[in-house]
N, C-alpha and C. Protein backbone atom coordinates (compact mmCIF):
# COMPACT_ATOMS: atom_id res chain seq x y z
N MET A 1 -10.48 -14.73 4.79
CA MET A 1 -11.90 -14.29 4.60
C MET A 1 -12.01 -13.37 2.68
N GLU A 2 -13.09 -13.72 2.38
CA GLU A 2 -13.55 -12.95 1.03
C GLU A 2 -14.72 -12.52 1.22
N ILE A 3 -15.00 -11.35 0.20
CA ILE A 3 -15.80 -10.42 -0.09
C ILE A 3 -15.79 -10.15 -1.57
N GLU A 4 -17.51 -10.62 -2.03
CA GLU A 4 -17.38 -10.88 -3.50
C GLU A 4 -16.34 -11.82 -4.63
N GLY A 5 -15.82 -12.85 -3.61
CA GLY A 5 -14.83 -13.50 -4.61
C GLY A 5 -13.19 -12.95 -4.50
N TYR A 6 -13.34 -12.05 -3.67
CA TYR A 6 -11.78 -11.13 -3.47
C TYR A 6 -11.18 -11.45 -1.93
N ILE A 7 -10.03 -11.40 -2.13
CA ILE A 7 -9.24 -11.95 -0.65
C ILE A 7 -9.43 -10.65 -0.19
N VAL A 8 -9.28 -10.15 1.14
CA VAL A 8 -9.73 -9.40 2.33
C VAL A 8 -7.87 -9.22 2.56
N SER A 9 -7.12 -8.24 2.52
CA SER A 9 -5.82 -7.55 2.35
C SER A 9 -5.78 -8.21 4.19
N ARG A 10 -4.82 -8.70 5.06
CA ARG A 10 -4.57 -8.62 6.03
C ARG A 10 -4.59 -7.63 6.88
N HIS A 11 -4.41 -6.26 6.55
CA HIS A 11 -4.17 -5.05 7.24
C HIS A 11 -5.66 -4.85 7.29
N LEU A 12 -6.85 -4.76 6.31
CA LEU A 12 -8.20 -4.47 6.89
C LEU A 12 -9.21 -5.74 7.07
N ARG A 13 -8.71 -7.45 6.60
CA ARG A 13 -9.15 -7.93 8.32
C ARG A 13 -9.23 -7.70 9.19
N GLY A 14 -7.71 -7.14 9.83
CA GLY A 14 -7.31 -7.08 11.11
C GLY A 14 -8.88 -5.75 11.53
N TYR A 15 -8.81 -4.54 10.35
CA TYR A 15 -9.57 -3.85 11.21
C TYR A 15 -10.83 -4.38 10.71
N LEU A 16 -11.50 -5.15 10.37
CA LEU A 16 -12.85 -5.38 10.06
C LEU A 16 -13.29 -6.36 11.41
N LYS A 17 -12.26 -7.18 12.08
CA LYS A 17 -12.11 -7.65 13.36
C LYS A 17 -12.35 -6.98 14.75
N GLU A 18 -11.75 -5.58 14.22
CA GLU A 18 -11.74 -5.10 15.88
C GLU A 18 -13.33 -4.50 16.38
N GLU A 19 -13.27 -4.21 17.61
CA GLU A 19 -14.19 -3.69 17.71
C GLU A 19 -14.89 -2.66 17.13
N ARG A 20 -13.76 -1.55 17.26
CA ARG A 20 -14.26 -0.06 16.75
C ARG A 20 -14.84 0.22 15.70
N SER A 21 -14.23 -1.01 14.39
CA SER A 21 -15.03 -0.58 13.51
C SER A 21 -16.26 -0.82 12.71
N TYR A 22 -16.50 0.33 12.41
CA TYR A 22 -17.48 1.00 11.75
C TYR A 22 -17.75 0.53 10.09
N ILE A 23 -17.25 -0.16 9.57
CA ILE A 23 -17.55 -0.68 8.46
C ILE A 23 -17.92 -2.08 8.38
N LYS A 24 -18.57 -2.54 7.37
CA LYS A 24 -19.37 -3.66 7.43
C LYS A 24 -19.49 -4.43 6.02
N PRO A 25 -18.64 -5.57 6.39
CA PRO A 25 -18.82 -6.51 4.76
C PRO A 25 -19.54 -6.05 4.33
N LYS A 26 -21.07 -6.52 4.74
CA LYS A 26 -21.82 -5.76 3.18
C LYS A 26 -21.64 -4.78 2.49
N TRP A 27 -21.48 -3.83 3.38
CA TRP A 27 -21.16 -2.40 2.82
C TRP A 27 -19.99 -2.66 1.33
N ILE A 28 -19.00 -3.32 2.02
CA ILE A 28 -17.56 -3.08 0.97
C ILE A 28 -18.49 -4.25 -0.38
N SER A 29 -19.22 -5.22 -0.03
CA SER A 29 -19.47 -6.26 -0.67
C SER A 29 -20.38 -4.93 -2.41
N LEU A 30 -21.17 -4.44 -1.72
CA LEU A 30 -22.29 -3.70 -2.40
C LEU A 30 -21.52 -1.96 -3.39
N ALA A 31 -20.28 -2.22 -2.26
CA ALA A 31 -19.56 -0.83 -2.93
C ALA A 31 -18.51 -1.77 -4.43
N ILE A 32 -18.16 -3.07 -4.26
CA ILE A 32 -18.03 -3.79 -5.27
C ILE A 32 -19.08 -3.70 -6.07
N ARG A 33 -20.06 -4.15 -6.11
CA ARG A 33 -21.04 -4.53 -6.58
C ARG A 33 -21.77 -3.67 -7.74
N GLU A 34 -22.13 -2.86 -6.87
CA GLU A 34 -22.83 -1.28 -7.27
C GLU A 34 -22.22 -0.08 -7.10
N PRO A 35 -20.79 0.08 -7.38
CA PRO A 35 -20.35 1.33 -7.70
C PRO A 35 -21.11 2.24 -7.79
N ASP A 36 -21.16 3.68 -7.36
CA ASP A 36 -21.65 4.63 -7.59
C ASP A 36 -20.14 5.61 -8.48
N PHE A 37 -19.39 5.41 -8.07
CA PHE A 37 -18.30 6.33 -8.88
C PHE A 37 -17.21 5.29 -9.12
N VAL A 38 -16.07 4.93 -10.47
CA VAL A 38 -15.06 3.97 -10.60
C VAL A 38 -14.01 5.08 -10.97
N GLU A 39 -13.13 4.91 -10.84
CA GLU A 39 -11.38 5.33 -10.60
C GLU A 39 -10.34 4.20 -10.92
N GLU A 40 -10.09 4.08 -12.29
CA GLU A 40 -9.01 3.49 -12.29
C GLU A 40 -7.63 3.99 -12.24
N ARG A 41 -6.75 3.70 -11.06
CA ARG A 41 -6.06 3.89 -11.19
C ARG A 41 -4.05 3.63 -12.04
N SER A 42 -4.79 2.12 -12.36
CA SER A 42 -4.03 1.75 -13.55
C SER A 42 -4.44 0.62 -14.02
N GLU A 43 -3.72 -0.46 -14.39
CA GLU A 43 -4.65 -1.77 -14.95
C GLU A 43 -4.88 -3.13 -14.20
N LYS A 44 -3.96 -2.80 -12.69
CA LYS A 44 -4.16 -3.26 -11.37
C LYS A 44 -4.77 -2.65 -10.60
N GLU A 45 -4.82 -1.58 -10.56
CA GLU A 45 -5.93 -1.08 -8.90
C GLU A 45 -6.67 -0.07 -9.69
N VAL A 46 -7.75 -0.32 -8.93
CA VAL A 46 -9.46 0.07 -9.18
C VAL A 46 -9.76 0.55 -8.08
N ARG A 47 -10.18 2.13 -7.62
CA ARG A 47 -10.96 2.48 -6.53
C ARG A 47 -12.77 2.33 -6.54
N MET A 48 -13.25 2.25 -5.71
CA MET A 48 -14.89 2.38 -5.98
C MET A 48 -15.10 2.90 -4.63
N TRP A 49 -16.54 3.76 -5.29
CA TRP A 49 -17.11 4.86 -3.77
C TRP A 49 -18.39 4.15 -3.95
N LYS A 50 -19.20 4.17 -3.34
CA LYS A 50 -20.09 4.05 -2.64
C LYS A 50 -21.11 4.48 -2.04
N ARG A 51 -21.88 5.54 -2.27
CA ARG A 51 -23.15 6.35 -0.97
C ARG A 51 -23.40 5.31 0.14
N ILE A 52 -23.33 5.50 1.50
CA ILE A 52 -24.07 4.18 2.28
C ILE A 52 -24.75 5.08 3.10
N PRO A 53 -25.88 4.87 2.69
CA PRO A 53 -27.20 5.39 3.64
C PRO A 53 -27.50 5.19 5.02
N GLU A 54 -27.07 4.37 5.68
CA GLU A 54 -26.87 4.01 7.08
C GLU A 54 -25.54 4.41 7.37
N PHE A 55 -24.81 4.82 6.50
CA PHE A 55 -23.62 5.44 7.57
C PHE A 55 -23.62 7.21 7.40
N GLY A 56 -25.29 7.72 7.18
CA GLY A 56 -25.40 9.23 7.40
C GLY A 56 -25.05 9.56 5.16
N ASN A 57 -24.87 9.05 4.81
CA ASN A 57 -24.74 9.52 3.48
C ASN A 57 -23.31 9.81 2.67
N LYS A 58 -22.54 8.77 3.49
CA LYS A 58 -20.75 9.14 3.42
C LYS A 58 -20.16 8.08 1.87
N PHE A 59 -19.29 7.89 2.04
CA PHE A 59 -19.18 7.69 0.83
C PHE A 59 -18.18 6.79 1.42
N LEU A 60 -18.06 4.97 0.71
CA LEU A 60 -17.10 4.41 1.17
C LEU A 60 -16.25 4.39 0.12
N ARG A 61 -15.04 4.48 -0.07
CA ARG A 61 -13.85 4.20 -1.14
C ARG A 61 -13.40 2.95 -0.28
N VAL A 62 -13.42 1.66 -1.57
CA VAL A 62 -12.69 0.66 -1.61
C VAL A 62 -11.75 0.71 -2.93
N VAL A 63 -10.48 -0.11 -2.43
CA VAL A 63 -9.56 -0.15 -2.87
C VAL A 63 -9.31 -2.00 -3.35
N VAL A 64 -8.94 -2.23 -4.78
CA VAL A 64 -8.75 -3.65 -5.58
C VAL A 64 -7.99 -3.46 -5.81
N ASN A 65 -7.28 -4.50 -5.92
CA ASN A 65 -6.34 -5.08 -6.71
C ASN A 65 -6.87 -5.92 -7.86
N LEU A 66 -7.27 -5.56 -8.48
CA LEU A 66 -7.55 -6.62 -9.69
C LEU A 66 -6.94 -7.51 -10.43
N LYS A 67 -5.60 -7.53 -10.16
CA LYS A 67 -4.83 -8.61 -10.91
C LYS A 67 -4.82 -9.93 -9.50
N SER A 68 -4.53 -9.70 -8.47
CA SER A 68 -4.34 -10.49 -7.61
C SER A 68 -5.94 -11.07 -6.67
N LYS A 69 -7.02 -9.88 -7.24
CA LYS A 69 -8.21 -10.09 -6.44
C LYS A 69 -8.09 -9.83 -4.96
N VAL A 70 -7.15 -8.88 -4.62
CA VAL A 70 -7.22 -8.45 -2.91
C VAL A 70 -8.42 -7.15 -3.13
N ILE A 71 -8.64 -7.49 -1.63
CA ILE A 71 -9.03 -6.09 -1.37
C ILE A 71 -8.54 -5.26 -0.68
N ILE A 72 -7.47 -4.19 -1.01
CA ILE A 72 -6.80 -3.45 -0.20
C ILE A 72 -7.14 -2.96 0.84
N THR A 73 -7.93 -2.13 0.63
CA THR A 73 -8.40 -1.20 1.91
C THR A 73 -9.69 -0.81 1.55
N ALA A 74 -10.62 -0.31 2.96
CA ALA A 74 -12.02 0.26 2.59
C ALA A 74 -11.82 1.47 3.61
N PHE A 75 -12.33 2.83 3.81
CA PHE A 75 -12.89 3.81 4.49
C PHE A 75 -13.51 4.65 3.70
N PHE A 76 -14.09 5.49 5.03
CA PHE A 76 -15.06 6.50 4.69
C PHE A 76 -14.29 7.46 4.21
N ASP A 77 -14.17 7.78 2.63
CA ASP A 77 -13.92 9.64 2.18
C ASP A 77 -14.18 10.54 2.31
N ARG A 78 -14.15 11.50 3.34
CA ARG A 78 -14.56 12.68 3.36
C ARG A 78 -14.72 13.63 2.96
N ARG A 79 -13.78 13.61 1.89
CA ARG A 79 -13.64 14.42 0.79
C ARG A 79 -14.32 14.13 -0.10
N PHE A 80 -14.84 12.66 -0.61
CA PHE A 80 -15.15 12.55 -1.88
C PHE A 80 -16.65 13.49 -1.86
N THR A 81 -16.74 13.96 -3.22
CA THR A 81 -18.22 13.95 -3.44
C THR A 81 -18.17 13.99 -5.15
N LEU A 82 -19.80 13.60 -5.14
CA LEU A 82 -20.20 13.16 -6.39
C LEU A 82 -20.98 14.57 -7.63
């Protein structure tokens, strides 16, 4: 599975396939293309947040490994605010 040219990690891919998953791949794509906030953790890892109006204006955090082009994880970050 790919989103925006990134490979989705096995962990995240498994979660997205679950019935109880409430994260939509289109939201992950939006967070990568148009993040509201970006934090570079290292030369490899970047965290991106995007406010998702359809999910109560909560922020989706997407963690990406830029070197291997892998989306490591994505989740709604309850503590994040702008």
